[in-house]
Protein backbone atom coordinates (compact mmCIF):
# COMPACT_ATOMS: atom_id res chain seq x y z
CA UNK A 1 -20.00 -14.61 -28.69
CA UNK A 2 -16.70 -12.91 -27.05
CA UNK A 3 -16.21 -9.17 -26.36
CA UNK A 4 -13.85 -8.86 -29.89
CA UNK A 5 -17.18 -10.38 -31.85
CA UNK A 6 -19.49 -7.87 -29.93
CA UNK A 7 -17.22 -4.85 -31.29
CA UNK A 8 -17.26 -6.50 -34.57
CA UNK A 9 -21.20 -6.98 -34.58
CA UNK A 10 -22.65 -4.35 -32.84
CA UNK A 11 -22.42 -1.97 -35.27
CA UNK A 12 -25.53 0.15 -33.74
CA UNK A 13 -24.79 4.05 -32.75
CA UNK A 14 -25.23 4.80 -28.98
CA UNK A 15 -28.03 6.57 -29.34
CA UNK A 16 -29.99 3.90 -31.43
CA UNK A 17 -28.94 1.26 -28.92
CA UNK A 18 -28.25 2.66 -25.40
CA UNK A 19 -25.10 2.22 -23.23
CA UNK A 20 -25.02 -1.22 -21.79
CA UNK A 21 -22.78 -3.67 -19.41
CA UNK A 22 -20.98 -4.41 -22.25
CA UNK A 23 -20.11 -1.30 -23.63
CA UNK A 24 -18.53 -1.16 -19.85
CA UNK A 25 -16.48 -3.70 -20.30
CA UNK A 26 -15.47 -2.64 -23.56
CA UNK A 27 -14.19 1.13 -22.13
CA UNK A 28 -12.68 -1.14 -18.87
CA UNK A 29 -10.01 -3.03 -21.39
CA UNK A 30 -9.42 0.34 -22.94
CA UNK A 31 -8.08 1.82 -19.51
CA UNK A 32 -5.15 -1.07 -19.54
CA UNK A 33 -3.70 1.16 -22.60
CA UNK A 34 -1.44 3.75 -22.58
CA UNK A 35 -2.27 6.94 -23.44
CA UNK A 36 0.44 8.70 -21.97
CA UNK A 37 1.78 9.75 -25.18
CA UNK A 38 -1.20 11.60 -26.60
CA UNK A 39 -0.74 15.59 -26.30
CA UNK A 40 -3.96 16.65 -27.13
CA UNK A 41 -7.52 15.82 -26.09
CA UNK A 42 -10.61 15.25 -26.52
CA UNK A 43 -9.49 12.28 -28.69
CA UNK A 44 -11.72 9.69 -30.68
CA UNK A 45 -10.81 6.01 -30.69
CA UNK A 46 -10.47 6.50 -34.29
CA UNK A 47 -8.00 9.39 -34.22
CA UNK A 48 -5.63 7.69 -31.57
CA UNK A 49 -5.34 4.65 -34.07
CA UNK A 50 -4.39 7.25 -36.50
CA UNK A 51 -1.06 7.99 -34.59
CA UNK A 52 1.68 5.76 -35.56
CA UNK A 53 3.04 5.03 -31.84
CA UNK A 54 -0.76 3.10 -31.57
CA UNK A 55 0.02 1.04 -34.16
CA UNK A 56 3.18 -0.66 -32.03
CA UNK A 57 3.16 -3.17 -29.02
CA UNK A 58 4.34 -0.95 -26.55
CA UNK A 59 1.08 1.14 -25.77
CA UNK A 60 -0.75 -2.44 -24.97
CA UNK A 61 2.09 -3.80 -22.74
CA UNK A 62 -0.13 -3.52 -19.70
CA UNK A 63 -3.03 -5.17 -20.64
CA UNK A 64 -1.28 -9.04 -20.40
CA UNK A 65 -2.11 -9.17 -23.57
CA UNK A 66 -0.88 -6.90 -26.23
CA UNK A 67 -1.15 -8.15 -29.45
CA UNK A 68 -4.77 -8.80 -28.80
CA UNK A 69 -5.27 -5.67 -27.04
CA UNK A 70 -3.44 -3.71 -30.18
CA UNK A 71 -6.27 -5.74 -32.53
CA UNK A 72 -8.87 -4.80 -30.22
CA UNK A 73 -7.86 -1.26 -30.68
CA UNK A 74 -8.22 -1.08 -33.96
CA UNK A 75 -11.43 -2.81 -34.37
CA UNK A 76 -12.60 0.31 -32.23
CA UNK A 77 -11.62 2.43 -34.22
CA UNK A 78 -13.38 1.40 -37.32
CA UNK A 79 -16.09 0.51 -35.32
CA UNK A 80 -19.33 2.66 -36.43
CA UNK A 81 -20.26 2.18 -32.41
CA UNK A 82 -17.10 3.18 -30.76
CA UNK A 83 -15.08 4.97 -32.87
CA UNK A 84 -15.88 8.60 -32.07
CA UNK A 85 -16.16 7.66 -28.52
CA UNK A 86 -13.95 10.40 -26.93
CA UNK A 87 -11.09 10.19 -24.93
CA UNK A 88 -11.22 13.16 -22.59
CA UNK A 89 -8.99 12.72 -19.48
CA UNK A 90 -6.19 9.85 -18.37
CA UNK A 91 -4.11 9.57 -15.39
CA UNK A 92 -1.39 7.11 -15.21
CA UNK A 93 0.67 6.70 -11.60
CA UNK A 94 3.40 4.04 -11.13
CA UNK A 95 4.69 4.76 -7.75
CA UNK A 96 7.44 2.45 -5.85
CA UNK A 97 7.90 4.50 -2.82
CA UNK A 98 3.88 4.90 -1.94
CA UNK A 99 3.12 1.36 -3.45
CA UNK A 100 0.67 2.75 -6.17
CA UNK A 101 0.16 1.36 -9.41
CA UNK A 102 -3.09 3.61 -11.03
CA UNK A 103 -4.44 4.19 -14.08
CA UNK A 104 -7.78 5.35 -14.71
CA UNK A 105 -9.49 6.79 -18.70
CA UNK A 106 -12.43 9.16 -18.93
CA UNK A 107 -14.59 8.17 -22.25
CA UNK A 108 -17.11 10.37 -23.65
CA UNK A 109 -20.19 9.52 -25.73
CA UNK A 110 -23.10 12.02 -25.67
CA UNK A 111 -24.67 12.96 -22.51
CA UNK A 112 -22.78 10.03 -20.41
CA UNK A 113 -19.12 9.80 -19.19
CA UNK A 114 -17.77 6.50 -18.67
CA UNK A 115 -14.55 6.15 -16.15
CA UNK A 116 -13.06 3.53 -16.66
CA UNK A 117 -10.27 2.07 -13.92
CA UNK A 118 -7.48 -0.42 -14.87
CA UNK A 119 -6.78 -3.47 -12.49
CA UNK A 120 -3.32 -4.96 -12.01
CA UNK A 121 -0.86 -4.32 -14.47
CA UNK A 122 2.65 -6.86 -14.82
CA UNK A 123 4.52 -4.32 -12.62
CA UNK A 124 5.70 -5.62 -8.82
CA UNK A 125 4.27 -2.77 -7.84
CA UNK A 126 0.84 -3.41 -8.87
CA UNK A 127 0.63 -6.61 -7.37
CA UNK A 128 2.22 -5.49 -3.99
CA UNK A 129 -0.38 -2.90 -3.93
CA UNK A 130 -3.09 -5.88 -4.27
CA UNK A 131 -1.18 -7.89 -1.06
CA UNK A 132 -1.19 -4.52 1.28
CA UNK A 133 -5.39 -4.87 0.57
CA UNK A 134 -5.28 -8.01 2.60
CA UNK A 135 -4.02 -5.83 6.14
CA UNK A 136 -4.58 -2.17 5.28
CA UNK A 137 -8.14 -0.50 4.89
CA UNK A 138 -7.28 1.91 2.41
CA UNK A 139 -4.47 1.83 -0.55
CA UNK A 140 -3.11 5.10 -2.38
CA UNK A 141 -5.26 4.18 -5.57
CA UNK A 142 -8.03 5.11 -3.42
CA UNK A 143 -7.42 8.58 -3.10
CA UNK A 144 -5.63 8.84 -6.88
CA UNK A 145 -9.39 7.72 -7.95
CA UNK A 146 -11.03 10.03 -5.71
CA UNK A 147 -9.71 12.84 -6.79
CA UNK A 148 -9.68 11.97 -10.39
CA UNK A 149 -13.94 11.36 -10.13
CA UNK A 150 -13.95 14.57 -8.54
CA UNK A 151 -12.06 16.62 -11.15
CA UNK A 152 -14.51 14.96 -13.79
CA UNK A 153 -17.74 15.96 -11.69
CA UNK A 154 -16.51 19.43 -11.19
CA UNK A 155 -15.82 19.77 -14.78
CA UNK A 156 -18.52 18.29 -16.47
CA UNK A 157 -22.33 17.88 -16.76
CA UNK A 158 -23.01 14.90 -17.84
CA UNK A 159 -23.89 11.65 -16.08
CA UNK A 160 -20.97 9.34 -15.11
CA UNK A 161 -20.55 5.31 -15.09
CA UNK A 162 -17.75 4.04 -12.83
CA UNK A 163 -16.32 0.82 -13.84
CA UNK A 164 -13.40 -1.19 -13.16
CA UNK A 165 -12.10 -4.92 -13.75
CA UNK A 166 -10.17 -7.13 -10.72
CA UNK A 167 -8.49 -4.23 -8.76
CA UNK A 168 -10.64 -1.37 -10.60
CA UNK A 169 -13.73 -2.79 -9.75
CA UNK A 170 -12.71 -2.82 -6.20
CA UNK A 171 -11.48 1.00 -6.43
CA UNK A 172 -14.83 1.68 -8.07
CA UNK A 173 -16.74 -0.11 -5.42
CA UNK A 174 -14.83 1.75 -2.87
CA UNK A 175 -15.36 5.44 -4.89
CA UNK A 176 -19.41 4.57 -4.56
CA UNK A 177 -19.47 3.73 -0.71
CA UNK A 178 -17.12 6.77 0.00
CA UNK A 179 -17.98 9.83 -2.10
CA UNK A 180 -19.93 12.58 -0.45
CA UNK A 181 -22.13 13.07 -3.64
CA UNK A 182 -22.88 10.25 -5.98
CA UNK A 183 -26.57 12.13 -7.28
CA UNK A 184 -24.17 12.34 -10.86
CA UNK A 185 -23.46 8.40 -10.75
CA UNK A 186 -25.81 6.70 -12.68
CA UNK A 187 -24.02 3.05 -12.29
CA UNK A 188 -21.48 1.51 -10.86
CA UNK A 189 -19.64 -1.68 -12.19
CA UNK A 190 -16.92 -4.18 -10.91
CA UNK A 191 -15.72 -6.65 -12.92
CA UNK A 192 -14.47 -9.67 -10.94
CA UNK A 193 -13.18 -7.15 -8.46
CA UNK A 194 -12.36 -8.33 -5.23
CA UNK A 195 -14.20 -7.41 -1.89
CA UNK A 196 -12.72 -5.66 1.39
CA UNK A 197 -11.59 -6.64 4.49
CA UNK A 198 -13.68 -4.30 6.40
CA UNK A 199 -17.23 -5.13 6.73
CA UNK A 200 -20.24 -2.64 6.47
CA UNK A 201 -18.81 -0.36 4.05
CA UNK A 202 -22.21 0.47 2.57
CA UNK A 203 -23.34 0.98 6.08
CA UNK A 204 -26.16 4.17 6.53
CA UNK A 205 -25.38 4.03 2.99
CA UNK A 206 -27.43 1.24 1.80
CA UNK A 207 -29.56 2.93 -1.17
CA UNK A 208 -26.18 3.41 -2.66
CA UNK A 209 -26.58 -0.17 -3.78
CA UNK A 210 -28.96 0.17 -6.42
CA UNK A 211 -26.24 1.82 -8.51
CA UNK A 212 -24.21 -1.17 -7.83
CA UNK A 213 -23.60 -4.03 -10.10
CA UNK A 214 -21.04 -6.56 -9.85
CA UNK A 215 -20.19 -9.37 -11.77
CA UNK A 216 -18.10 -12.34 -11.55
CA UNK A 217 -17.40 -15.48 -14.08
CA UNK A 218 -18.55 -18.74 -12.99
CA UNK A 219 -15.36 -19.87 -11.71
CA UNK A 220 -14.45 -16.56 -10.06
CA UNK A 221 -11.12 -16.48 -7.74
CA UNK A 222 -10.25 -12.97 -7.37
CA UNK A 223 -13.97 -11.38 -7.11
CA UNK A 224 -14.65 -13.50 -4.04
CA UNK A 225 -11.36 -12.85 -2.03
CA UNK A 226 -12.02 -10.92 1.50
CA UNK A 227 -15.67 -10.14 2.26
CA UNK A 228 -18.32 -9.44 -0.11
CA UNK A 229 -21.42 -7.73 1.36
CA UNK A 230 -23.18 -7.35 -2.03
CA UNK A 231 -24.93 -9.23 -4.17
CA UNK A 232 -23.26 -10.73 -6.93
CA UNK A 233 -24.20 -11.60 -10.93
CA UNK A 234 -22.27 -15.23 -12.30
CA UNK A 235 -21.79 -15.31 -15.98
CA UNK A 236 -20.69 -18.05 -18.17
CA UNK A 237 -17.11 -17.95 -19.15
CA UNK A 238 -15.35 -19.88 -22.24
CA UNK A 239 -12.18 -20.30 -20.37
CA UNK A 240 -11.56 -22.53 -17.08
CA UNK A 241 -10.94 -21.96 -13.66
CA UNK A 242 -8.68 -18.64 -12.78
CA UNK A 243 -8.49 -18.37 -16.09
CA UNK A 244 -11.71 -17.14 -16.35
CA UNK A 245 -10.33 -13.81 -14.70
CA UNK A 246 -9.77 -13.11 -18.41
CA UNK A 247 -12.75 -10.75 -19.73
CA UNK A 248 -12.15 -11.64 -23.05
CA UNK A 249 -13.85 -15.30 -22.63
CA UNK A 250 -17.04 -14.06 -20.64
CA UNK A 251 -19.83 -14.70 -22.94
CA UNK A 252 -21.70 -12.64 -24.58
CA UNK A 253 -25.59 -12.71 -25.73
CA UNK A 254 -26.84 -9.75 -28.03
CA UNK A 255 -26.23 -6.93 -25.76
CA UNK A 256 -25.31 -8.78 -22.37
CA UNK A 257 -23.53 -11.61 -20.84
CA UNK A 258 -25.36 -15.05 -20.26
CA UNK A 259 -26.00 -15.48 -16.45
CA UNK A 260 -26.43 -18.83 -14.74
CA UNK A 261 -27.38 -19.01 -10.94
CA UNK A 262 -24.40 -20.79 -8.79
CA UNK A 263 -20.67 -20.45 -8.89
CA UNK A 264 -18.67 -23.51 -9.49
CA UNK A 265 -17.29 -25.75 -6.69
CA UNK A 266 -13.77 -24.91 -7.68
CA UNK A 267 -14.87 -21.34 -7.18
CA UNK A 268 -16.80 -21.43 -3.75
CA UNK A 269 -13.87 -23.98 -2.11
CA UNK A 270 -11.32 -21.72 -3.20
CA UNK A 271 -12.64 -18.71 -1.90
CA UNK A 272 -13.53 -20.65 1.32
CA UNK A 273 -9.80 -21.78 1.16
CA UNK A 274 -7.74 -18.70 0.36
CA UNK A 275 -10.07 -16.25 3.01
CA UNK A 276 -9.81 -18.86 5.50
CA UNK A 277 -5.67 -18.77 5.18
CA UNK A 278 -5.77 -14.95 4.87
CA UNK A 279 -7.79 -14.91 8.10
CA UNK A 280 -5.13 -17.33 9.90
CA UNK A 281 -2.53 -14.96 9.61
CA UNK A 282 -2.43 -11.58 11.73
CA UNK A 283 -1.91 -8.19 10.20
CA UNK A 284 1.91 -8.12 10.96
CA UNK A 285 2.27 -11.38 9.27
CA UNK A 286 0.77 -10.38 6.43
CA UNK A 287 2.78 -7.15 5.70
CA UNK A 288 5.80 -8.99 6.80
CA UNK A 289 5.43 -11.61 4.30
CA UNK A 290 4.60 -9.18 1.82
CA UNK A 291 7.60 -6.96 2.40
CA UNK A 292 9.65 -10.09 2.13
CA UNK A 293 8.69 -11.25 -1.05
CA UNK A 294 8.60 -8.05 -2.89
CA UNK A 295 11.75 -7.05 -1.07
CA UNK A 296 13.64 -9.98 -2.95
CA UNK A 297 11.49 -9.81 -6.56
CA UNK A 298 12.73 -6.43 -7.02
CA UNK A 299 16.30 -7.85 -6.72
CA UNK A 300 15.28 -10.15 -9.95
CA UNK A 301 16.82 -9.83 -13.57
CA UNK A 302 13.11 -10.39 -14.28
CA UNK A 303 11.46 -6.58 -13.79
CA UNK A 304 7.84 -7.39 -13.98
CA UNK A 305 5.65 -10.40 -13.71
CA UNK A 306 5.30 -10.82 -17.52
CA UNK A 307 8.67 -10.98 -17.83
CA UNK A 308 8.58 -13.31 -14.85
CA UNK A 309 6.51 -15.72 -16.04
CA UNK A 310 7.42 -16.04 -19.46
CA UNK A 311 10.98 -17.32 -17.90
CA UNK A 312 9.57 -19.31 -14.94
CA UNK A 313 11.82 -22.28 -15.57
CA UNK A 314 14.65 -19.16 -15.01
CA UNK A 315 13.31 -18.35 -11.86
CA UNK A 316 13.62 -21.31 -9.84
CA UNK A 317 17.06 -20.78 -8.54
CA UNK A 318 17.15 -16.84 -7.85
CA UNK A 319 13.67 -18.23 -5.75
CA UNK A 320 15.99 -20.70 -3.93
CA UNK A 321 19.22 -18.28 -3.57
CA UNK A 322 16.12 -15.84 -2.31
CA UNK A 323 14.81 -17.75 0.38
CA UNK A 324 18.20 -19.02 1.36
CA UNK A 325 19.32 -15.49 1.85
CA UNK A 326 16.60 -14.70 4.20
CA UNK A 327 17.64 -14.04 8.29
CA UNK A 328 16.34 -17.15 10.07
CA UNK A 329 13.14 -15.25 11.37
CA UNK A 330 12.33 -14.20 7.97
CA UNK A 331 12.45 -18.03 6.77
CA UNK A 332 10.57 -19.26 9.46
CA UNK A 333 7.60 -16.65 8.85
CA UNK A 334 7.58 -17.78 5.07
CA UNK A 335 7.66 -21.29 5.97
CA UNK A 336 4.89 -20.82 8.25
CA UNK A 337 2.73 -18.59 5.98
CA UNK A 338 2.94 -21.16 3.13
CA UNK A 339 2.70 -24.06 5.20
CA UNK A 340 -0.74 -22.45 6.43
CA UNK A 341 -2.01 -21.83 2.77
CA UNK A 342 -1.22 -25.44 1.91
CA UNK A 343 -3.42 -27.04 5.05
CA UNK A 344 -5.96 -24.52 4.10
CA UNK A 345 -6.09 -25.72 0.39
CA UNK A 346 -6.67 -29.46 1.94
CA UNK A 347 -8.71 -28.25 4.86
CA UNK A 348 -9.80 -24.81 5.43
CA UNK A 349 -9.43 -23.66 9.11
CA UNK A 350 -11.74 -21.22 9.36
CA UNK A 351 -15.69 -22.36 8.89
CA UNK A 352 -16.71 -20.46 5.93
CA UNK A 353 -19.82 -20.73 4.51
CA UNK A 354 -19.44 -21.38 0.80
């Protein structure tokens, strides 16, 4: 069973069947939707779908799957389990100047508030912020998320669930490790969220890991990037390879996922290869490579990765032109970085355990 079937089949109220990990994933995908047109909160899923704007595709373009996500929202609005869930707060920031792409939604059911944080959207700014994680310990989304969570804690009395997919999972993990007081945090879910450059994130706070639950699919690529010092729960997916990052294909049985003991060999090898490649580059190389790549992307006619990949064949000429237009030193750096990537995909330079 996929998450779309779960929404249709689990018709129990939250009072009858308590909030579970699959519900958290449902709410995480809601964080990919644009609620900025809603003037008055709180509002239920049922009420949202009564607004003409949310019958269109525009509010769902950041989800990577707009048509599917529109149906997803419609199914929530008619579900006896989800239709009365309230959106009580929402924040969206896309700021190229500070390299921040951040979106979060707070959802309320009786006795519980779920704060769901969006992962990377198709914007170049969002992807650049991901790259920045390779050479900085903190990104701007961390402070935006911390401000939002503290606001919810100050304004409400309910227990709180933190959850996020991809970069959103990374942000949730960071919050759990850094918030001064986590007594109101019931559980934190990271769905295939990457790890961290810094080690010892939970040093002297190991008891907080009792509130942490990280899930990755069997062929995870994103969720095993960087250091991962926490236990992970491996689940089955209908998809293959890196496409397993799409949570719509994760396999659900009853009110939980189907778990397995070990990731695939390809996942473990990619973890070793990509992390080794990153470690082989110094911080200045990582930063300069990021600035070169996204500086050139900003010049393209394709203004985000959705358009870029839809018209991938049309990007060959602009990519070559951009490469030839680099100055000598930058071109040498790009060559060196890409050569190291190829070499590490063939044989990782660093001896990393898999």
